[in-house]
Every structure is written in C-alpha cells, then in structure tokens.
Protein backbone atom coordinates (compact mmCIF):
# COMPACT_ATOMS: atom_id res chain seq x y z
CA MET A 1 17.22 -13.39 7.84
CA ASN A 2 16.63 -10.28 10.10
CA CYS A 3 14.16 -10.59 12.94
CA TRP A 4 11.74 -8.08 11.31
CA ARG A 5 11.67 -10.02 8.06
CA SER A 6 10.87 -13.36 9.63
CA ALA A 7 8.03 -11.65 11.45
CA VAL A 8 6.62 -10.10 8.28
CA LEU A 9 7.05 -13.24 6.22
CA ALA A 10 5.71 -15.61 8.71
CA SER A 11 4.44 -18.90 7.61
CA GLY A 12 3.15 -18.16 4.08
CA GLN A 13 -0.37 -19.20 2.79
CA ASN A 14 -2.98 -20.75 5.43
CA ASP A 15 -5.59 -22.78 3.76
CA GLY A 16 -7.99 -22.08 6.56
CA PRO A 17 -11.09 -19.72 6.16
CA ALA A 18 -10.56 -16.05 5.29
CA PHE A 19 -12.10 -15.12 8.82
CA PRO A 20 -11.28 -17.81 11.27
CA THR A 21 -13.71 -19.06 13.87
CA ASN A 22 -11.11 -19.94 16.40
CA ALA A 23 -7.96 -18.07 17.58
CA ALA A 24 -5.52 -19.60 15.44
CA PRO A 25 -2.96 -17.19 13.91
CA MET A 26 -3.41 -16.09 10.30
CA SER A 27 -0.83 -14.79 7.88
CA SER A 28 -0.82 -11.57 5.90
CA THR A 29 -1.83 -13.46 2.75
CA ASP A 30 -5.13 -14.73 4.16
CA LEU A 31 -7.34 -11.91 3.57
CA VAL A 32 -6.17 -11.26 -0.09
CA PRO A 33 -9.21 -11.29 -2.40
CA SER A 34 -8.96 -13.93 -5.29
CA ALA A 35 -7.89 -12.94 -8.80
CA GLY A 36 -11.41 -13.63 -9.94
CA ALA A 37 -13.01 -11.27 -7.58
CA GLN A 38 -10.54 -8.44 -8.72
CA ALA A 39 -11.23 -9.11 -12.28
CA VAL A 40 -14.96 -8.83 -11.72
CA GLN A 41 -14.36 -5.42 -9.86
CA ALA A 42 -11.99 -4.15 -12.53
CA SER A 43 -14.65 -4.81 -15.25
CA ALA A 44 -17.10 -2.50 -13.63
CA HIS A 45 -15.28 0.59 -14.79
CA PRO A 46 -14.39 -0.18 -18.42
CA ASP A 47 -13.77 3.59 -19.56
CA GLY A 48 -11.56 4.53 -16.80
CA ARG A 49 -9.66 3.40 -13.63
CA GLN A 50 -10.30 4.34 -10.07
CA PHE A 51 -7.45 5.68 -8.02
CA LEU A 52 -7.38 6.37 -4.10
CA THR A 53 -5.48 9.65 -3.85
CA PHE A 54 -3.29 10.64 -0.85
CA ARG A 55 -0.84 13.29 0.23
CA ILE A 56 2.76 12.85 1.34
CA GLY A 57 4.01 16.34 1.98
CA ALA A 58 2.94 18.56 -0.67
CA GLU A 59 2.76 16.05 -3.31
CA GLU A 60 -0.44 14.18 -4.13
CA TYR A 61 -0.40 10.44 -5.26
CA GLY A 62 -2.72 8.04 -6.52
CA LEU A 63 -2.86 4.10 -6.32
CA ASP A 64 -5.07 1.59 -7.94
CA ILE A 65 -8.40 1.35 -5.70
CA LEU A 66 -8.46 -2.38 -6.21
CA ARG A 67 -5.35 -2.90 -4.06
CA VAL A 68 -7.05 -1.14 -1.03
CA GLN A 69 -8.38 -3.23 1.68
CA GLU A 70 -9.25 -0.59 4.11
CA ILE A 71 -8.11 2.80 5.50
CA ARG A 72 -7.27 3.22 9.08
CA SER A 73 -6.31 5.92 11.57
CA TYR A 74 -2.66 5.69 12.52
CA GLU A 75 -2.08 3.76 15.91
CA PRO A 76 1.49 2.92 16.98
CA PRO A 77 2.43 -0.44 15.85
CA THR A 78 4.42 -3.03 17.69
CA ARG A 79 8.14 -2.40 16.88
CA VAL A 80 10.23 -5.24 15.42
CA ALA A 81 13.74 -5.61 16.29
CA ASN A 82 16.39 -4.68 13.51
CA ALA A 83 13.84 -3.16 11.22
CA PRO A 84 14.74 -0.64 8.86
CA ALA A 85 13.51 2.97 9.86
CA PHE A 86 10.57 3.05 7.43
CA VAL A 87 9.32 -0.33 8.90
CA LYS A 88 7.26 1.10 11.83
CA GLY A 89 6.35 -2.48 13.18
CA VAL A 90 3.43 -4.74 12.80
CA VAL A 91 -0.25 -4.73 13.91
CA ASN A 92 -2.83 -7.44 14.49
CA LEU A 93 -5.71 -6.79 11.89
CA ARG A 94 -8.50 -9.19 12.76
CA GLY A 95 -5.96 -12.00 13.53
CA VAL A 96 -3.63 -11.15 10.60
CA ILE A 97 -0.16 -9.82 11.28
CA VAL A 98 0.31 -6.81 9.10
CA PRO A 99 3.57 -5.10 8.58
CA ILE A 100 3.21 -1.18 8.78
CA LEU A 101 5.55 0.75 6.45
CA ASP A 102 6.01 4.55 6.63
CA LEU A 103 5.91 5.57 2.85
CA ARG A 104 6.84 9.02 3.85
CA ILE A 105 10.19 7.89 5.47
CA ARG A 106 10.85 5.57 2.61
CA LEU A 107 10.33 8.48 0.15
CA GLY A 108 12.89 10.65 2.12
CA GLN A 109 10.10 13.00 3.71
CA ALA A 110 9.73 13.69 7.36
CA GLY A 111 6.61 12.51 8.92
CA GLU A 112 4.66 13.68 11.78
CA TYR A 113 2.05 11.60 13.43
CA ASP A 114 -1.19 13.63 13.83
CA ALA A 115 -4.95 13.32 13.57
CA PHE A 116 -4.76 13.25 9.63
CA THR A 117 -2.08 10.53 9.69
CA VAL A 118 -3.56 7.20 8.20
CA VAL A 119 -2.51 3.81 7.25
CA ILE A 120 -3.68 2.42 3.84
CA VAL A 121 -4.18 -1.30 4.17
CA LEU A 122 -3.28 -2.92 0.86
CA ASN A 123 -3.37 -6.40 -0.73
CA VAL A 124 -0.22 -6.52 -2.71
CA GLY A 125 2.10 -9.21 -3.82
CA GLY A 126 -0.30 -11.94 -2.11
CA ARG A 127 -0.10 -10.39 1.16
CA VAL A 128 -1.66 -7.67 3.25
CA VAL A 129 0.64 -4.50 4.07
CA GLY A 130 -0.17 -1.07 5.51
CA ILE A 131 1.42 2.04 4.44
CA VAL A 132 1.52 5.28 6.34
CA VAL A 133 0.69 8.31 4.53
CA ASP A 134 -0.15 12.13 5.69
CA SER A 135 -3.58 12.07 4.55
CA VAL A 136 -6.18 10.53 2.30
CA SER A 137 -7.97 12.73 -0.28
CA ASP A 138 -10.69 10.88 -2.24
CA VAL A 139 -11.33 8.30 -4.97
CA LEU A 140 -10.92 9.47 -8.54
CA GLU A 141 -11.87 7.90 -11.94
CA LEU A 142 -9.35 8.84 -14.62
CA GLY A 143 -10.02 8.03 -18.15
CA ALA A 144 -7.12 7.03 -20.44
CA ASP A 145 -7.09 10.67 -21.82
CA GLU A 146 -6.35 12.10 -18.29
CA ILE A 147 -3.34 9.81 -17.60
CA LYS A 148 -0.09 11.12 -18.99
CA ALA A 149 3.20 9.16 -19.50
CA ARG A 150 5.64 9.58 -16.51
CA PRO A 151 8.36 12.22 -17.28
CA GLU A 152 11.94 11.16 -17.61
CA VAL A 153 13.51 13.41 -14.72
CA PRO A 154 15.68 12.54 -11.87
CA ALA A 155 13.45 12.00 -8.80
CA ALA A 156 13.50 10.94 -5.24
CA MET A 157 11.45 7.79 -6.23
CA ASP A 158 12.58 5.13 -8.59
CA ALA A 159 10.66 5.89 -11.83
CA ARG A 160 9.71 2.30 -12.41
CA PHE A 161 7.41 2.73 -9.52
CA ILE A 162 5.55 5.65 -11.37
CA THR A 163 3.01 4.58 -13.87
CA GLY A 164 2.11 8.01 -15.02
CA LEU A 165 0.70 11.48 -14.03
CA GLY A 166 -3.06 12.05 -13.65
CA LYS A 167 -4.23 15.46 -14.52
CA ILE A 168 -7.64 16.63 -13.29
CA GLY A 169 -8.10 20.28 -13.60
CA GLU A 170 -5.26 22.05 -11.82
CA ARG A 171 -4.48 18.90 -9.85
CA MET A 172 -1.51 16.68 -10.74
CA LEU A 173 -1.35 13.08 -9.29
CA ILE A 174 1.76 10.99 -9.29
CA LEU A 175 0.27 7.50 -10.01
CA LEU A 176 2.13 4.77 -8.47
CA ASP A 177 2.54 1.06 -9.17
CA ILE A 178 2.24 0.17 -5.45
CA GLU A 179 2.53 -3.48 -6.03
CA ALA A 180 5.89 -3.20 -7.93
CA MET A 181 6.98 -0.77 -5.31
CA ILE A 182 6.12 -2.97 -2.24
CA THR A 183 7.34 -6.17 -3.78
CA SER A 184 10.68 -4.72 -4.90
CA PRO A 185 13.73 -5.89 -3.18
CA ASP A 186 14.14 -2.26 -1.91
CA PHE A 187 11.31 -2.78 0.57
CA GLY A 188 12.77 -6.07 1.87
CA LEU A 189 9.54 -7.86 2.09
CA VAL A 190 10.38 -10.54 -0.42
CA ASP A 191 13.38 -12.73 -0.54
C-alpha cells in the first residue's frame, strides 16, 4: 500500500464522540452525519434537489448539497509521499485528517491557486474528503423538469460520474455523482 493511501485510510471508524474533548486523533469518518440525519434533511425539499454549484475552468458543475460539510479557502496541505499529482496532501480539520484532492487536476485541467480557489469538504463513502475547485458559485434548487439526462458523448470525465445536466435560464450545470466519483477505484481512496 502506498504511503499516501495508508495515511488517508488510517484507522477506520472511531467509536468516540464526534467532537473529542481530548487530543486523541480522529479518522476521516468521525464527522460524517448519520443516514437518519441526511434523510430528514432530504425530506425538507420534496419538490426539488439542492446543488452546490462550482467552477472548474469555464465549466460549471453541481453536486448534492447534502454531501457538503463546509467550504474553506485553499491552504496548502501537508504533502504525502508517493501520492498521485491530484492528491495535494492532507489537512487537520478539527482533529480529523482530511485528504485534499484537486478535482481540477483529476479532470485534466490546469489549476492556479489564487484568492478564489476553495476546498469543498465533503462527506462521501463514510469519510471526509476535500476537493479543490476554482470557485464556488451558489446553491440552487432544481426541480425534476430542470434536470436533463446526460448526453452520450465522449468526455474527459467518465460518464458514470455525471447524473445529468441542470438547465436554469442560459446556465448549464454538469451534475456530478460525487460519491461515486470519490469512492471509485480511479481515485484510489478505497481498496
């Protein structure tokens, strides 16, 4: 196992409190809300789904808002030996070691780190992961009639990670299945 993978996969579940009162280390699964909490949040918007929208280059993407834990400004993470180029490193987020993945690099885009660069901290696949994007736009609620099927065309991104296209006026959003993307073997975070 690579050094970076062992750092990212460190220890699994911790049965302790979500916010420790001592300095004991936590894993990236400790801050993930329960499935029941997510179901209650999901039922709050029965007519549509909410998406956090963000930019990578000229493209605008959306992901399920229920997967988002927080949005942070980009700070250089601690590099991990033998990590792929898109794995920028890890950060300590309130006692949780969080891998930071540059989604721009993973999608074949160049990425500059400026004042608009942000990290979206996600709860996916039972763990906490951060993705680097160019900027965050807003939160949009899309009804079923505003979400179109994904086109079957060759793309830089595997089509199985695109759930559809959101259309709001002249805006077109590429809607991602961020959990499927992050937990896929392509990302190397799961065995």
